[in-house]
Amino acid sequence: MSDRRWQYKVETVKTSIWNNKPDNVDGVIQDRLTRLGVEGWELVSVVPYGHLNRLYLKR
């Protein structure tokens, strides 16, 4: 049996359509996910929360 243990992380991304154009929001989320991926994080789920998205990650 492996000794590997998962780490979990929750990131919150603002997605208000009043403050950002949709293309800009996509770019911001993509940049954040790319940076997290370089750190070894894998996106598991996205949950909408009002004008926010909660990103659940593990590594």
N, C-alpha and C. Protein backbone atom coordinates (compact mmCIF):
# COMPACT_ATOMS: atom_id res chain seq x y z
N MET A 1 0.84 -1.18 0.00
CA MET A 1 0.00 0.00 0.00
C MET A 1 0.89 1.24 0.00
N SER A 2 0.52 2.25 -0.74
CA SER A 2 1.31 3.47 -0.89
C SER A 2 1.16 4.38 0.33
N ASP A 3 2.24 5.09 0.67
CA ASP A 3 2.21 6.07 1.74
C ASP A 3 1.78 7.44 1.24
N ARG A 4 1.50 7.54 -0.04
CA ARG A 4 1.12 8.82 -0.62
C ARG A 4 -0.18 9.33 -0.02
N ARG A 5 -0.16 10.58 0.37
CA ARG A 5 -1.36 11.21 0.91
C ARG A 5 -1.71 12.40 0.01
N TRP A 6 -2.98 12.59 -0.19
CA TRP A 6 -3.44 13.69 -1.02
C TRP A 6 -3.43 14.99 -0.23
N GLN A 7 -3.13 16.06 -0.92
CA GLN A 7 -3.32 17.41 -0.39
C GLN A 7 -4.48 18.01 -1.16
N TYR A 8 -5.24 18.86 -0.50
CA TYR A 8 -6.39 19.49 -1.15
C TYR A 8 -6.28 21.00 -1.02
N LYS A 9 -6.83 21.69 -2.01
CA LYS A 9 -6.78 23.15 -2.05
C LYS A 9 -8.08 23.66 -2.63
N VAL A 10 -8.57 24.78 -2.09
CA VAL A 10 -9.75 25.43 -2.62
C VAL A 10 -9.34 26.84 -3.04
N GLU A 11 -9.58 27.17 -4.30
CA GLU A 11 -9.34 28.50 -4.83
C GLU A 11 -10.69 29.12 -5.17
N THR A 12 -10.83 30.41 -4.95
CA THR A 12 -12.06 31.11 -5.30
C THR A 12 -11.73 32.12 -6.39
N VAL A 13 -12.51 32.08 -7.46
CA VAL A 13 -12.29 32.96 -8.61
C VAL A 13 -13.54 33.81 -8.81
N LYS A 14 -13.36 35.12 -8.83
CA LYS A 14 -14.47 36.03 -9.07
C LYS A 14 -14.84 36.00 -10.55
N THR A 15 -16.13 35.83 -10.82
CA THR A 15 -16.58 35.75 -12.21
C THR A 15 -17.73 36.71 -12.47
N SER A 16 -17.73 37.82 -11.80
CA SER A 16 -18.80 38.79 -11.96
C SER A 16 -18.81 39.34 -13.39
N ILE A 17 -19.93 39.22 -14.07
CA ILE A 17 -20.04 39.75 -15.43
C ILE A 17 -20.08 41.28 -15.44
N TRP A 18 -20.29 41.88 -14.30
CA TRP A 18 -20.35 43.34 -14.23
C TRP A 18 -18.96 43.95 -14.22
N ASN A 19 -17.97 43.23 -13.75
CA ASN A 19 -16.62 43.77 -13.61
C ASN A 19 -15.65 43.31 -14.69
N ASN A 20 -15.95 42.22 -15.37
CA ASN A 20 -15.03 41.66 -16.36
C ASN A 20 -15.81 41.19 -17.57
N LYS A 21 -15.18 41.30 -18.72
CA LYS A 21 -15.75 40.69 -19.91
C LYS A 21 -15.54 39.19 -19.81
N PRO A 22 -16.44 38.37 -20.36
CA PRO A 22 -16.28 36.91 -20.27
C PRO A 22 -14.93 36.41 -20.77
N ASP A 23 -14.41 36.99 -21.86
CA ASP A 23 -13.12 36.54 -22.39
C ASP A 23 -12.02 36.78 -21.37
N ASN A 24 -12.09 37.92 -20.68
CA ASN A 24 -11.08 38.24 -19.67
C ASN A 24 -11.17 37.27 -18.49
N VAL A 25 -12.40 36.95 -18.06
CA VAL A 25 -12.59 36.00 -16.96
C VAL A 25 -11.99 34.65 -17.34
N ASP A 26 -12.24 34.17 -18.55
CA ASP A 26 -11.68 32.90 -19.00
C ASP A 26 -10.15 32.93 -18.95
N GLY A 27 -9.58 34.02 -19.39
CA GLY A 27 -8.12 34.15 -19.38
C GLY A 27 -7.55 34.14 -17.97
N VAL A 28 -8.23 34.81 -17.05
CA VAL A 28 -7.78 34.85 -15.66
C VAL A 28 -7.83 33.46 -15.04
N ILE A 29 -8.94 32.74 -15.27
CA ILE A 29 -9.07 31.39 -14.73
C ILE A 29 -8.04 30.46 -15.35
N GLN A 30 -7.85 30.56 -16.67
CA GLN A 30 -6.88 29.71 -17.35
C GLN A 30 -5.47 29.96 -16.82
N ASP A 31 -5.10 31.22 -16.63
CA ASP A 31 -3.77 31.54 -16.11
C ASP A 31 -3.58 30.97 -14.70
N ARG A 32 -4.61 31.10 -13.87
CA ARG A 32 -4.51 30.58 -12.50
C ARG A 32 -4.38 29.05 -12.52
N LEU A 33 -5.18 28.37 -13.36
CA LEU A 33 -5.11 26.91 -13.43
C LEU A 33 -3.76 26.45 -13.97
N THR A 34 -3.21 27.16 -14.93
CA THR A 34 -1.89 26.81 -15.47
C THR A 34 -0.83 26.92 -14.39
N ARG A 35 -0.87 28.01 -13.62
CA ARG A 35 0.10 28.21 -12.54
C ARG A 35 -0.03 27.10 -11.49
N LEU A 36 -1.27 26.76 -11.13
CA LEU A 36 -1.49 25.70 -10.15
C LEU A 36 -1.03 24.34 -10.69
N GLY A 37 -1.25 24.09 -11.98
CA GLY A 37 -0.80 22.84 -12.59
C GLY A 37 0.71 22.69 -12.54
N VAL A 38 1.43 23.78 -12.75
CA VAL A 38 2.89 23.75 -12.65
C VAL A 38 3.31 23.36 -11.23
N GLU A 39 2.52 23.76 -10.24
CA GLU A 39 2.80 23.43 -8.83
C GLU A 39 2.36 22.00 -8.48
N GLY A 40 1.78 21.29 -9.45
CA GLY A 40 1.38 19.90 -9.22
C GLY A 40 -0.08 19.71 -8.85
N TRP A 41 -0.87 20.78 -8.86
CA TRP A 41 -2.29 20.68 -8.51
C TRP A 41 -3.11 20.23 -9.70
N GLU A 42 -4.11 19.39 -9.45
CA GLU A 42 -5.02 18.89 -10.47
C GLU A 42 -6.43 19.35 -10.12
N LEU A 43 -7.12 19.96 -11.08
CA LEU A 43 -8.49 20.41 -10.86
C LEU A 43 -9.42 19.21 -10.77
N VAL A 44 -10.20 19.15 -9.69
CA VAL A 44 -11.11 18.04 -9.46
C VAL A 44 -12.55 18.46 -9.75
N SER A 45 -12.91 19.68 -9.34
CA SER A 45 -14.29 20.12 -9.48
C SER A 45 -14.37 21.64 -9.44
N VAL A 46 -15.41 22.16 -10.08
CA VAL A 46 -15.72 23.59 -10.01
C VAL A 46 -17.16 23.72 -9.55
N VAL A 47 -17.38 24.56 -8.53
CA VAL A 47 -18.72 24.75 -8.00
C VAL A 47 -19.05 26.23 -8.06
N PRO A 48 -20.10 26.62 -8.82
CA PRO A 48 -20.52 28.01 -8.85
C PRO A 48 -21.06 28.44 -7.48
N TYR A 49 -20.72 29.66 -7.09
CA TYR A 49 -21.14 30.18 -5.79
C TYR A 49 -21.41 31.67 -5.98
N GLY A 50 -22.63 32.01 -6.38
CA GLY A 50 -22.96 33.41 -6.68
C GLY A 50 -22.15 33.90 -7.86
N HIS A 51 -21.43 35.01 -7.65
CA HIS A 51 -20.55 35.56 -8.70
C HIS A 51 -19.13 35.02 -8.57
N LEU A 52 -19.01 33.90 -7.88
CA LEU A 52 -17.71 33.27 -7.68
C LEU A 52 -17.76 31.84 -8.19
N ASN A 53 -16.60 31.30 -8.46
CA ASN A 53 -16.45 29.86 -8.72
C ASN A 53 -15.47 29.34 -7.71
N ARG A 54 -15.82 28.25 -7.07
CA ARG A 54 -14.88 27.58 -6.16
C ARG A 54 -14.21 26.46 -6.94
N LEU A 55 -12.90 26.48 -6.99
CA LEU A 55 -12.11 25.48 -7.68
C LEU A 55 -11.54 24.53 -6.64
N TYR A 56 -11.84 23.25 -6.76
CA TYR A 56 -11.34 22.24 -5.83
C TYR A 56 -10.22 21.47 -6.53
N LEU A 57 -9.05 21.43 -5.89
CA LEU A 57 -7.88 20.82 -6.48
C LEU A 57 -7.27 19.82 -5.52
N LYS A 58 -6.47 18.89 -6.09
CA LYS A 58 -5.73 17.94 -5.27
C LYS A 58 -4.36 17.70 -5.89
N ARG A 59 -3.44 17.26 -5.05
CA ARG A 59 -2.13 16.80 -5.54
C ARG A 59 -1.59 15.75 -4.61
